[in-house]
Amino acid sequence: MGAVVQRIPAGRTHAAFRAMRELRPALTTAEDFGALVDGELRPGGYLLAGVFTDDTPDAVAVAGYRYTRSLAAGAHLYVDDLVSLPEVRGRGHARELLAWLVEEAKTHGCAQLHLDSGTHRHGAHGFYFANGLHVSAFHFMRELG
């Protein structure tokens, strides 16, 4: 079968946990992750997709994303999370997943794909530039607590 991109439905969210924890280390358990995603994020439009191989039932690369609309960008696909397991990096799984997201965005009438990346994630920045993304804005934040 090789590698295949699949949507990860509610009830199978745990299949994304191992990869997602690489990007979001504060995640504690697959059960808590599933409860958060399925109980709180999915009702707000959050979706998951992953790359699956014959080697494991868990996704080796994962994307959390949503379809949204804004005054600035119109209809677009926003990628909240995009990550692959360290042991499979360089094998094209993240590139395949990003290409799948682009096609999904087009299918849903989106004119753009957006994502934010932490300023310290230099490897990810190189990946995004190499795959046709560019820096279009600064993202500002302020801690409120």
C-alpha atoms as a PDB file:
ATOM      1  CA  MET A   1       0.000   0.000   0.000  1.00  0.00           C
ATOM      2  CA  GLY A   2       2.832   2.471   0.719  1.00  0.00           C
ATOM      3  CA  ALA A   3       1.868   5.842   2.147  1.00  0.00           C
ATOM      4  CA  VAL A   4      -1.652   7.203   1.863  1.00  0.00           C
ATOM      5  CA  VAL A   5      -3.266  10.437   3.075  1.00  0.00           C
ATOM      6  CA  GLN A   6      -6.554   9.926   4.893  1.00  0.00           C
ATOM      7  CA  ARG A   7      -8.940  12.089   6.847  1.00  0.00           C
ATOM      8  CA  ILE A   8      -8.935  11.143  10.519  1.00  0.00           C
ATOM      9  CA  PRO A   9     -12.534  11.058  11.752  1.00  0.00           C
ATOM     10  CA  ALA A  10     -13.793  11.544  15.294  1.00  0.00           C
ATOM     11  CA  GLY A  11     -13.267   8.337  17.179  1.00  0.00           C
ATOM     12  CA  ARG A  12      -9.901   7.723  15.470  1.00  0.00           C
ATOM     13  CA  THR A  13      -8.317  10.955  16.681  1.00  0.00           C
ATOM     14  CA  HIS A  14      -5.876   8.955  18.810  1.00  0.00           C
ATOM     15  CA  ALA A  15      -4.129   7.902  15.552  1.00  0.00           C
ATOM     16  CA  ALA A  16      -2.823  11.489  15.252  1.00  0.00           C
ATOM     17  CA  PHE A  17      -1.531  11.762  18.819  1.00  0.00           C
ATOM     18  CA  ARG A  18       2.019  10.454  18.443  1.00  0.00           C
ATOM     19  CA  ALA A  19       2.900  12.817  15.591  1.00  0.00           C
ATOM     20  CA  MET A  20       0.972  15.760  17.032  1.00  0.00           C
ATOM     21  CA  ARG A  21       2.813  15.457  20.328  1.00  0.00           C
ATOM     22  CA  GLU A  22       6.060  16.201  18.448  1.00  0.00           C
ATOM     23  CA  LEU A  23       4.675  19.646  17.632  1.00  0.00           C
ATOM     24  CA  ARG A  24       2.578  20.141  20.768  1.00  0.00           C
ATOM     25  CA  PRO A  25       4.574  18.551  23.633  1.00  0.00           C
ATOM     26  CA  ALA A  26       2.119  19.811  26.266  1.00  0.00           C
ATOM     27  CA  LEU A  27      -0.325  17.141  25.076  1.00  0.00           C
ATOM     28  CA  THR A  28      -0.387  14.488  27.773  1.00  0.00           C
ATOM     29  CA  THR A  29      -2.244  11.375  26.641  1.00  0.00           C
ATOM     30  CA  ALA A  30      -3.978  10.108  23.524  1.00  0.00           C
ATOM     31  CA  GLU A  31      -7.230   9.991  25.506  1.00  0.00           C
ATOM     32  CA  ASP A  32      -6.985  13.632  26.619  1.00  0.00           C
ATOM     33  CA  PHE A  33      -5.980  14.658  23.092  1.00  0.00           C
ATOM     34  CA  GLY A  34      -8.993  12.829  21.653  1.00  0.00           C
ATOM     35  CA  ALA A  35     -11.352  14.421  24.176  1.00  0.00           C
ATOM     36  CA  LEU A  36     -10.025  17.913  23.395  1.00  0.00           C
ATOM     37  CA  VAL A  37     -10.124  17.506  19.618  1.00  0.00           C
ATOM     38  CA  ASP A  38     -13.404  15.606  19.365  1.00  0.00           C
ATOM     39  CA  GLY A  39     -15.193  17.457  22.168  1.00  0.00           C
ATOM     40  CA  GLU A  40     -14.043  21.038  21.662  1.00  0.00           C
ATOM     41  CA  LEU A  41     -12.115  21.609  18.437  1.00  0.00           C
ATOM     42  CA  ARG A  42     -14.090  19.584  15.895  1.00  0.00           C
ATOM     43  CA  PRO A  43     -17.383  21.352  16.739  1.00  0.00           C
ATOM     44  CA  GLY A  44     -15.580  24.585  15.783  1.00  0.00           C
ATOM     45  CA  GLY A  45     -14.586  23.203  12.388  1.00  0.00           C
ATOM     46  CA  TYR A  46     -11.192  21.648  13.181  1.00  0.00           C
ATOM     47  CA  LEU A  47     -10.329  18.662  10.981  1.00  0.00           C
ATOM     48  CA  LEU A  48      -7.502  16.138  10.984  1.00  0.00           C
ATOM     49  CA  ALA A  49      -5.748  14.316   8.170  1.00  0.00           C
ATOM     50  CA  GLY A  50      -2.744  12.051   8.306  1.00  0.00           C
ATOM     51  CA  VAL A  51      -0.306  10.032   6.281  1.00  0.00           C
ATOM     52  CA  PHE A  52      -0.529   6.332   7.057  1.00  0.00           C
ATOM     53  CA  THR A  53       1.957   3.637   6.097  1.00  0.00           C
ATOM     54  CA  ASP A  54       1.941  -0.133   6.371  1.00  0.00           C
ATOM     55  CA  ASP A  55       4.343   0.085   9.320  1.00  0.00           C
ATOM     56  CA  THR A  56       1.988   1.437  12.007  1.00  0.00           C
ATOM     57  CA  PRO A  57      -1.696   2.155  12.700  1.00  0.00           C
ATOM     58  CA  ASP A  58      -0.689   5.666  13.799  1.00  0.00           C
ATOM     59  CA  ALA A  59      -0.262   8.532  11.347  1.00  0.00           C
ATOM     60  CA  VAL A  60       3.391   9.284  10.543  1.00  0.00           C
ATOM     61  CA  ALA A  61       2.490  12.858   9.537  1.00  0.00           C
ATOM     62  CA  VAL A  62      -0.531  14.868  10.649  1.00  0.00           C
ATOM     63  CA  ALA A  63      -2.314  18.087   9.748  1.00  0.00           C
ATOM     64  CA  GLY A  64      -4.934  19.876  11.809  1.00  0.00           C
ATOM     65  CA  TYR A  65      -6.804  22.366   9.655  1.00  0.00           C
ATOM     66  CA  ARG A  66     -10.045  24.260   9.120  1.00  0.00           C
ATOM     67  CA  TYR A  67     -11.940  25.991   6.364  1.00  0.00           C
ATOM     68  CA  THR A  68     -12.555  29.609   7.225  1.00  0.00           C
ATOM     69  CA  ARG A  69     -13.292  33.013   5.776  1.00  0.00           C
ATOM     70  CA  SER A  70     -11.936  36.451   6.587  1.00  0.00           C
ATOM     71  CA  LEU A  71     -12.258  39.949   5.194  1.00  0.00           C
ATOM     72  CA  ALA A  72      -8.569  39.962   4.271  1.00  0.00           C
ATOM     73  CA  ALA A  73      -8.284  36.541   2.631  1.00  0.00           C
ATOM     74  CA  GLY A  74     -11.807  35.481   1.741  1.00  0.00           C
ATOM     75  CA  ALA A  75     -12.408  31.732   1.819  1.00  0.00           C
ATOM     76  CA  HIS A  76      -9.230  29.877   2.745  1.00  0.00           C
ATOM     77  CA  LEU A  77      -7.888  26.756   4.380  1.00  0.00           C
ATOM     78  CA  TYR A  78      -5.987  27.471   7.585  1.00  0.00           C
ATOM     79  CA  VAL A  79      -3.466  24.887   8.780  1.00  0.00           C
ATOM     80  CA  ASP A  80      -3.264  24.910  12.581  1.00  0.00           C
ATOM     81  CA  ASP A  81      -0.794  22.040  12.828  1.00  0.00           C
ATOM     82  CA  LEU A  82       1.495  20.244  10.363  1.00  0.00           C
ATOM     83  CA  VAL A  83       4.059  17.767  11.636  1.00  0.00           C
ATOM     84  CA  SER A  84       5.739  14.476  10.849  1.00  0.00           C
ATOM     85  CA  LEU A  85       7.458  12.036  13.158  1.00  0.00           C
ATOM     86  CA  PRO A  86      11.218  12.699  13.412  1.00  0.00           C
ATOM     87  CA  GLU A  87      12.097   9.193  12.257  1.00  0.00           C
ATOM     88  CA  VAL A  88      10.282   9.635   8.921  1.00  0.00           C
ATOM     89  CA  ARG A  89      11.308  13.205   8.094  1.00  0.00           C
ATOM     90  CA  GLY A  90      12.836  13.555   4.660  1.00  0.00           C
ATOM     91  CA  ARG A  91      10.700  10.777   3.158  1.00  0.00           C
ATOM     92  CA  GLY A  92       8.163  13.128   1.556  1.00  0.00           C
ATOM     93  CA  HIS A  93       5.242  12.489   3.898  1.00  0.00           C
ATOM     94  CA  ALA A  94       4.795  16.136   4.938  1.00  0.00           C
ATOM     95  CA  ARG A  95       5.132  17.233   1.303  1.00  0.00           C
ATOM     96  CA  GLU A  96       2.452  14.721   0.304  1.00  0.00           C
ATOM     97  CA  LEU A  97       0.181  15.917   3.116  1.00  0.00           C
ATOM     98  CA  LEU A  98       0.672  19.580   2.180  1.00  0.00           C
ATOM     99  CA  ALA A  99      -0.125  18.801  -1.475  1.00  0.00           C
ATOM    100  CA  TRP A 100      -3.281  17.002  -0.307  1.00  0.00           C
ATOM    101  CA  LEU A 101      -4.270  20.066   1.752  1.00  0.00           C
ATOM    102  CA  VAL A 102      -3.792  22.314  -1.293  1.00  0.00           C
ATOM    103  CA  GLU A 103      -6.090  20.080  -3.365  1.00  0.00           C
ATOM    104  CA  GLU A 104      -8.643  19.973  -0.538  1.00  0.00           C
ATOM    105  CA  ALA A 105      -8.593  23.769  -0.366  1.00  0.00           C
ATOM    106  CA  LYS A 106      -9.197  24.052  -4.102  1.00  0.00           C
ATOM    107  CA  THR A 107     -12.006  21.485  -3.942  1.00  0.00           C
ATOM    108  CA  HIS A 108     -13.715  23.559  -1.231  1.00  0.00           C
ATOM    109  CA  GLY A 109     -13.488  26.793  -3.225  1.00  0.00           C
ATOM    110  CA  CYS A 110     -10.615  28.304  -1.289  1.00  0.00           C
ATOM    111  CA  ALA A 111      -8.292  30.706  -3.081  1.00  0.00           C
ATOM    112  CA  GLN A 112      -5.520  30.457  -0.478  1.00  0.00           C
ATOM    113  CA  LEU A 113      -3.891  28.224   2.118  1.00  0.00           C
ATOM    114  CA  HIS A 114      -2.580  29.900   5.290  1.00  0.00           C
ATOM    115  CA  LEU A 115      -0.490  28.739   8.230  1.00  0.00           C
ATOM    116  CA  ASP A 116       1.622  30.201  11.008  1.00  0.00           C
ATOM    117  CA  SER A 117       4.984  28.760  11.999  1.00  0.00           C
ATOM    118  CA  GLY A 118       6.940  29.472  15.153  1.00  0.00           C
ATOM    119  CA  THR A 119       9.892  31.784  14.588  1.00  0.00           C
ATOM    120  CA  HIS A 120      12.287  29.137  15.953  1.00  0.00           C
ATOM    121  CA  ARG A 121      11.163  26.418  13.482  1.00  0.00           C
ATOM    122  CA  HIS A 122      13.827  27.077  10.854  1.00  0.00           C
ATOM    123  CA  GLY A 123      13.577  23.608   9.323  1.00  0.00           C
ATOM    124  CA  ALA A 124       9.845  24.055   8.856  1.00  0.00           C
ATOM    125  CA  HIS A 125      10.394  27.453   7.245  1.00  0.00           C
ATOM    126  CA  GLY A 126      12.724  25.924   4.674  1.00  0.00           C
ATOM    127  CA  PHE A 127      10.149  23.220   3.982  1.00  0.00           C
ATOM    128  CA  TYR A 128       7.383  25.797   3.465  1.00  0.00           C
ATOM    129  CA  PHE A 129       9.498  27.953   1.142  1.00  0.00           C
ATOM    130  CA  ALA A 130      10.505  24.866  -0.865  1.00  0.00           C
ATOM    131  CA  ASN A 131       6.834  23.949  -1.240  1.00  0.00           C
ATOM    132  CA  GLY A 132       5.575  27.244  -2.623  1.00  0.00           C
ATOM    133  CA  LEU A 133       4.560  29.148   0.505  1.00  0.00           C
ATOM    134  CA  HIS A 134       5.829  32.639   1.269  1.00  0.00           C
ATOM    135  CA  VAL A 135       5.771  35.038   4.208  1.00  0.00           C
ATOM    136  CA  SER A 136       2.755  37.295   3.733  1.00  0.00           C
ATOM    137  CA  ALA A 137       2.366  38.850   7.195  1.00  0.00           C
ATOM    138  CA  PHE A 138       3.644  38.983  10.740  1.00  0.00           C
ATOM    139  CA  HIS A 139       1.541  37.284  13.404  1.00  0.00           C
ATOM    140  CA  PHE A 140       1.524  39.218  16.678  1.00  0.00           C
ATOM    141  CA  MET A 141       0.402  37.979  20.076  1.00  0.00           C
ATOM    142  CA  ARG A 142       0.324  39.144  23.669  1.00  0.00           C
ATOM    143  CA  GLU A 143       0.149  36.985  26.789  1.00  0.00           C
ATOM    144  CA  LEU A 144      -2.841  38.034  28.894  1.00  0.00           C
ATOM    145  CA  GLY A 145      -2.233  36.038  32.038  1.00  0.00           C
END
